[in-house]
Amino acid sequence: MNETTMAPSTPEEGLSVEQLRDYGLYAGDGRGIAGSLHYERPLWLFSPRQIRHCRFGAFSYVNGRGSSSFYRVQAGRYFQCAESAIIGPPDHPHDWFTTHPFGFTRPEEFPNLYDDPDFTRLAPDGSEAYHYTAGVPLTTRIGHEVWIGAGVIVRRGVCIGDGAIIGAGSVVNRDVPPYAIVAGVPATVKRMRFDDALIERLRALQWWQYDLAPHKHCVDFRKPADTTSYLEDALAAGRLARLELPQYLVSVGAAGFTVAPAATGEGDSL
């Protein structure tokens, strides 16, 4: 691993968006990064509207200059997202007295509203025994090598399996099986990418864990079964090396971006 891919041993503060490139983060103008960002290099964020409290695996990208928003999303390696996607937006209670945040939010969850004294007087102050978000899933989980088309909406708390494809304009309100192609409003499974036997082999192989660069001229990616067979044989022969890449935590402040080292390994599955 060369110097350009080494994780900093201590946090680096006051960095410009151009300097983030030294850490494998290509963030456009950088204005879409809000809250915390945990990523494994390299990651491409083509100036999305908002990336808030998210985690991405290596070689992932989010398209859509000023149009895509991600909220508390954990995505694996080789994740691909087209423009105008909204993934994991905050939900509101459907069966409470009111759907408005004055009935269920907290100061730490919607601080901009609490900047107004009239809202603060009306809204919860955190001392209430009930708490809406304590009973709902907050994280939307997306597997490895998932492709999300343009204009997709994914409801918060949904899990999308490895290798799935989400058709453009879909609204995903339930979990998606691995290697399924789903589309529609609401999204339903249209077909599977491969037959059951090949899907089972791919799920066992988990090729995204390995460094494929030394093997790129040995396979024909147009032939998924043949490529899978080659990689299975290479793994059995000990010729597939684990793909180990640095991970970083990024936050933004008035003086610029801060980059700190993050724990590596499988953990909660980048």
Protein backbone atom coordinates (compact mmCIF):
# COMPACT_ATOMS: atom_id res chain seq x y z
CA MET A 1 0.00 0.00 0.00
CA ASN A 2 1.57 3.33 -1.04
CA GLU A 3 1.52 6.63 0.84
CA THR A 4 -1.53 7.93 -1.00
CA THR A 5 -3.64 5.07 0.36
CA MET A 6 -2.42 5.14 3.94
CA ALA A 7 -4.96 6.14 6.58
CA PRO A 8 -3.93 9.12 8.73
CA SER A 9 -2.78 8.08 12.19
CA THR A 10 -4.48 11.15 13.69
CA PRO A 11 -7.35 13.33 12.46
CA GLU A 12 -6.50 15.81 9.71
CA GLU A 13 -8.49 19.02 10.11
CA GLY A 14 -9.33 22.02 7.94
CA LEU A 15 -9.10 20.13 4.64
CA SER A 16 -10.53 21.45 1.39
CA VAL A 17 -12.75 19.32 -0.82
CA GLU A 18 -9.81 19.01 -3.22
CA GLN A 19 -7.63 17.60 -0.43
CA LEU A 20 -10.21 14.87 0.22
CA ARG A 21 -9.02 13.30 -3.02
CA ASP A 22 -5.80 12.36 -1.21
CA TYR A 23 -7.99 10.07 0.90
CA GLY A 24 -9.85 8.56 -2.04
CA LEU A 25 -13.00 10.67 -1.64
CA TYR A 26 -14.20 12.47 -4.77
CA ALA A 27 -16.94 14.71 -3.42
CA GLY A 28 -17.60 17.31 -6.13
CA ASP A 29 -18.17 20.62 -4.39
CA GLY A 30 -18.58 18.83 -1.06
CA ARG A 31 -21.70 20.72 -0.06
CA GLY A 32 -23.84 17.60 0.14
CA ILE A 33 -21.89 16.04 3.05
CA ALA A 34 -23.80 16.53 6.29
CA GLY A 35 -23.46 14.75 9.60
CA SER A 36 -20.94 11.92 9.57
CA LEU A 37 -19.60 9.96 6.61
CA HIS A 38 -17.81 6.63 7.08
CA TYR A 39 -16.32 5.26 3.89
CA GLU A 40 -13.81 2.85 2.46
CA ARG A 41 -11.72 4.32 -0.34
CA PRO A 42 -12.31 4.98 -3.13
CA LEU A 43 -15.74 6.65 -3.05
CA TRP A 44 -17.31 9.00 -5.60
CA LEU A 45 -20.02 11.43 -4.48
CA PHE A 46 -20.90 13.48 -7.54
CA SER A 47 -22.26 16.46 -5.57
CA PRO A 48 -25.47 14.85 -4.25
CA ARG A 49 -27.99 17.05 -2.49
CA GLN A 50 -27.41 15.42 0.88
CA ILE A 51 -25.37 12.57 2.39
CA ARG A 52 -26.23 12.40 6.11
CA HIS A 53 -24.86 9.84 8.59
CA CYS A 54 -23.99 7.27 5.92
CA ARG A 55 -21.46 4.51 5.32
CA PHE A 56 -20.17 3.27 1.96
CA GLY A 57 -17.90 0.46 0.85
CA ALA A 58 -15.08 0.76 -1.67
CA PHE A 59 -15.68 1.60 -5.36
CA SER A 60 -19.17 2.93 -4.67
CA TYR A 61 -20.63 6.02 -6.30
CA VAL A 62 -23.67 8.27 -5.94
CA ASN A 63 -24.65 10.25 -9.03
CA GLY A 64 -26.93 13.24 -9.39
CA ARG A 65 -25.50 16.71 -8.98
CA GLY A 66 -27.70 18.31 -6.34
CA SER A 67 -30.48 15.78 -6.74
CA SER A 68 -29.81 12.61 -4.67
CA SER A 69 -30.28 12.37 -0.90
CA PHE A 70 -29.16 9.61 1.50
CA TYR A 71 -30.15 9.39 5.16
CA ARG A 72 -28.55 6.84 7.52
CA VAL A 73 -27.67 4.46 4.71
CA GLN A 74 -25.13 1.63 4.98
CA ALA A 75 -24.08 0.41 1.55
CA GLY A 76 -21.56 -2.26 0.62
CA ARG A 77 -18.79 -2.31 -1.93
CA TYR A 78 -19.39 -1.57 -5.64
CA PHE A 79 -22.68 0.19 -4.89
CA GLN A 80 -24.02 2.24 -7.82
CA CYS A 81 -26.71 4.90 -7.68
CA ALA A 82 -28.11 7.02 -10.51
CA GLU A 83 -29.39 10.58 -10.14
CA SER A 84 -32.45 11.86 -8.26
CA ALA A 85 -32.58 8.98 -5.77
CA ILE A 86 -33.92 9.41 -2.23
CA ILE A 87 -32.73 6.65 0.08
CA GLY A 88 -33.87 6.21 3.68
CA PRO A 89 -35.73 9.51 4.20
CA PRO A 90 -37.12 10.16 7.69
CA ASP A 91 -40.60 8.78 8.28
CA HIS A 92 -43.55 10.22 10.20
CA PRO A 93 -46.05 8.34 12.37
CA HIS A 94 -49.17 7.34 10.47
CA ASP A 95 -51.49 6.54 13.36
CA TRP A 96 -50.60 9.19 15.93
CA PHE A 97 -52.76 12.25 16.67
CA THR A 98 -50.60 14.25 14.26
CA THR A 99 -48.02 13.51 11.57
CA HIS A 100 -46.30 16.87 12.17
CA PRO A 101 -42.91 16.88 13.92
CA PHE A 102 -44.27 18.94 16.81
CA GLY A 103 -45.81 15.72 18.08
CA PHE A 104 -42.87 13.35 17.85
CA THR A 105 -39.47 14.88 17.12
CA ARG A 106 -36.60 15.75 19.48
CA PRO A 107 -34.18 18.72 19.52
CA GLU A 108 -31.25 16.54 18.38
CA GLU A 109 -33.29 15.11 15.50
CA PHE A 110 -34.61 18.34 13.96
CA PRO A 111 -32.49 21.19 15.39
CA ASN A 112 -33.49 23.70 12.71
CA LEU A 113 -37.10 23.63 13.84
CA TYR A 114 -36.04 24.14 17.44
CA ASP A 115 -34.26 27.35 16.45
CA ASP A 116 -37.71 28.96 16.55
CA PRO A 117 -39.02 29.75 20.07
CA ASP A 118 -42.65 29.13 19.14
CA PHE A 119 -41.85 25.63 17.90
CA THR A 120 -39.71 24.94 20.97
CA ARG A 121 -42.61 25.91 23.24
CA LEU A 122 -44.93 23.54 21.36
CA ALA A 123 -42.70 20.54 20.63
CA PRO A 124 -41.34 17.73 22.84
CA ASP A 125 -38.40 18.66 25.03
CA GLY A 126 -37.03 15.12 25.40
CA SER A 127 -38.53 14.40 28.81
CA GLU A 128 -41.49 12.45 27.41
CA ALA A 129 -41.71 8.73 28.13
CA TYR A 130 -42.55 7.95 24.52
CA HIS A 131 -40.25 8.46 21.56
CA TYR A 132 -41.31 7.71 17.99
CA THR A 133 -37.90 6.95 16.49
CA ALA A 134 -37.07 4.58 19.33
CA GLY A 135 -39.57 2.14 17.86
CA VAL A 136 -38.75 2.38 14.16
CA PRO A 137 -35.69 1.24 12.15
CA LEU A 138 -33.37 4.16 11.39
CA THR A 139 -30.84 2.51 9.08
CA THR A 140 -31.40 1.50 5.46
CA ARG A 141 -29.05 -1.32 4.47
CA ILE A 142 -27.86 -1.92 0.93
CA GLY A 143 -25.69 -4.88 -0.03
CA HIS A 144 -22.67 -5.21 -2.29
CA GLU A 145 -22.85 -4.60 -6.06
CA VAL A 146 -26.35 -3.12 -5.89
CA TRP A 147 -27.47 -0.84 -8.73
CA ILE A 148 -30.18 1.74 -8.06
CA GLY A 149 -31.70 3.48 -11.07
CA ALA A 150 -32.69 7.12 -11.52
CA GLY A 151 -35.52 8.57 -9.48
CA VAL A 152 -35.79 5.68 -7.02
CA ILE A 153 -37.20 6.14 -3.52
CA VAL A 154 -36.26 3.59 -0.85
CA ARG A 155 -38.14 3.73 2.42
CA ARG A 156 -36.14 3.97 5.62
CA GLY A 157 -35.38 0.62 7.24
CA VAL A 158 -35.50 -1.43 4.03
CA CYS A 159 -32.76 -4.01 3.34
CA ILE A 160 -31.62 -4.54 -0.26
CA GLY A 161 -29.71 -7.76 -0.89
CA ASP A 162 -26.37 -8.18 -2.65
CA GLY A 163 -26.44 -7.89 -6.43
CA ALA A 164 -29.97 -6.48 -6.64
CA ILE A 165 -31.09 -4.02 -9.32
CA ILE A 166 -33.75 -1.37 -8.63
CA GLY A 167 -35.46 -0.08 -11.77
CA ALA A 168 -35.73 3.66 -12.46
CA GLY A 169 -38.64 5.43 -10.81
CA SER A 170 -39.37 2.62 -8.37
CA VAL A 171 -40.64 3.07 -4.82
CA VAL A 172 -39.13 0.36 -2.61
CA ASN A 173 -41.08 -0.15 0.60
CA ARG A 174 -40.04 -3.71 1.49
CA ASP A 175 -36.86 -5.81 1.57
CA VAL A 176 -35.35 -6.88 -1.76
CA PRO A 177 -33.84 -10.39 -2.18
CA PRO A 178 -30.24 -10.81 -3.36
CA TYR A 179 -29.82 -10.68 -7.16
CA ALA A 180 -33.46 -9.70 -7.72
CA ILE A 181 -34.50 -7.15 -10.34
CA VAL A 182 -37.35 -5.08 -8.91
CA ALA A 183 -39.34 -2.21 -10.39
CA GLY A 184 -42.64 -0.39 -10.02
CA VAL A 185 -44.69 1.55 -7.49
CA PRO A 186 -44.53 -0.21 -5.16
CA ALA A 187 -41.51 -2.17 -6.40
CA THR A 188 -42.01 -5.90 -6.99
CA VAL A 189 -39.66 -8.62 -8.20
CA LYS A 190 -39.73 -8.82 -12.01
CA ARG A 191 -37.13 -11.55 -12.36
CA MET A 192 -33.83 -12.75 -10.94
CA ARG A 193 -30.53 -11.78 -12.53
CA PHE A 194 -29.32 -15.39 -12.74
CA ASP A 195 -30.65 -18.88 -12.14
CA ASP A 196 -30.86 -20.21 -8.58
CA ALA A 197 -27.71 -22.31 -8.85
CA LEU A 198 -25.52 -19.41 -9.99
CA ILE A 199 -26.99 -17.07 -7.38
CA GLU A 200 -26.15 -19.61 -4.68
CA ARG A 201 -22.56 -19.82 -5.95
CA LEU A 202 -22.20 -16.03 -6.08
CA ARG A 203 -23.52 -15.65 -2.57
CA ALA A 204 -21.03 -18.25 -1.35
CA LEU A 205 -18.14 -16.69 -3.28
CA GLN A 206 -18.67 -13.09 -2.11
CA TRP A 207 -16.23 -11.90 -4.75
CA TRP A 208 -16.23 -8.30 -3.50
CA GLN A 209 -14.07 -9.40 -0.59
CA TYR A 210 -11.13 -10.06 -2.91
CA ASP A 211 -8.70 -8.11 -5.06
CA LEU A 212 -9.78 -8.79 -8.63
CA ALA A 213 -7.17 -6.54 -10.27
CA PRO A 214 -4.57 -9.30 -10.86
CA HIS A 215 -7.25 -11.42 -12.55
CA LYS A 216 -8.97 -8.88 -14.79
CA HIS A 217 -7.33 -10.23 -17.97
CA CYS A 218 -8.12 -13.83 -17.07
CA VAL A 219 -11.91 -13.52 -17.21
CA ASP A 220 -14.63 -12.33 -19.55
CA PHE A 221 -17.13 -10.36 -17.46
CA ARG A 222 -19.76 -10.87 -20.16
CA LYS A 223 -19.90 -14.51 -19.03
CA PRO A 224 -21.01 -14.59 -15.38
CA ALA A 225 -20.95 -18.37 -14.98
CA ASP A 226 -17.46 -18.72 -16.46
CA THR A 227 -16.15 -15.79 -14.40
CA THR A 228 -17.63 -17.31 -11.25
CA SER A 229 -15.98 -20.65 -12.02
CA TYR A 230 -12.60 -19.01 -12.54
CA LEU A 231 -12.83 -17.10 -9.25
CA GLU A 232 -14.02 -20.17 -7.36
CA ASP A 233 -10.99 -22.09 -8.64
CA ALA A 234 -8.66 -19.18 -7.84
CA LEU A 235 -10.03 -18.97 -4.32
CA ALA A 236 -9.65 -22.70 -3.77
CA ALA A 237 -6.06 -22.52 -5.01
CA GLY A 238 -5.22 -19.61 -2.71
CA ARG A 239 -4.76 -17.16 -5.59
CA LEU A 240 -7.40 -14.65 -4.47
CA ALA A 241 -6.06 -12.09 -2.02
CA ARG A 242 -8.35 -10.23 0.37
CA LEU A 243 -9.10 -6.66 -0.66
CA GLU A 244 -7.93 -4.51 2.24
CA LEU A 245 -8.49 -0.76 1.87
CA PRO A 246 -8.36 2.13 4.36
CA GLN A 247 -11.54 3.43 5.94
CA TYR A 248 -12.13 7.00 7.06
CA LEU A 249 -14.56 9.10 9.07
CA VAL A 250 -15.31 12.49 7.54
CA SER A 251 -17.08 15.41 9.17
CA VAL A 252 -17.49 19.01 8.09
CA GLY A 253 -17.13 22.19 10.11
CA ALA A 254 -16.67 25.91 9.62
CA ALA A 255 -12.95 25.48 8.93
CA GLY A 256 -13.34 22.69 6.39
CA PHE A 257 -13.38 18.90 6.45
CA THR A 258 -11.90 16.61 9.08
CA VAL A 259 -10.67 13.14 8.13
CA ALA A 260 -9.93 10.55 10.81
CA PRO A 261 -8.98 6.87 10.60
CA ALA A 262 -11.80 4.37 11.05
CA ALA A 263 -11.76 0.73 12.07
CA THR A 264 -11.26 -1.72 9.20
CA GLY A 265 -12.56 -5.24 8.78
CA GLU A 266 -15.94 -6.79 8.14
CA GLY A 267 -17.62 -5.39 11.26
CA ASP A 268 -21.02 -4.13 10.25
CA SER A 269 -20.36 -5.10 6.68
CA LEU A 270 -18.99 -2.50 4.39
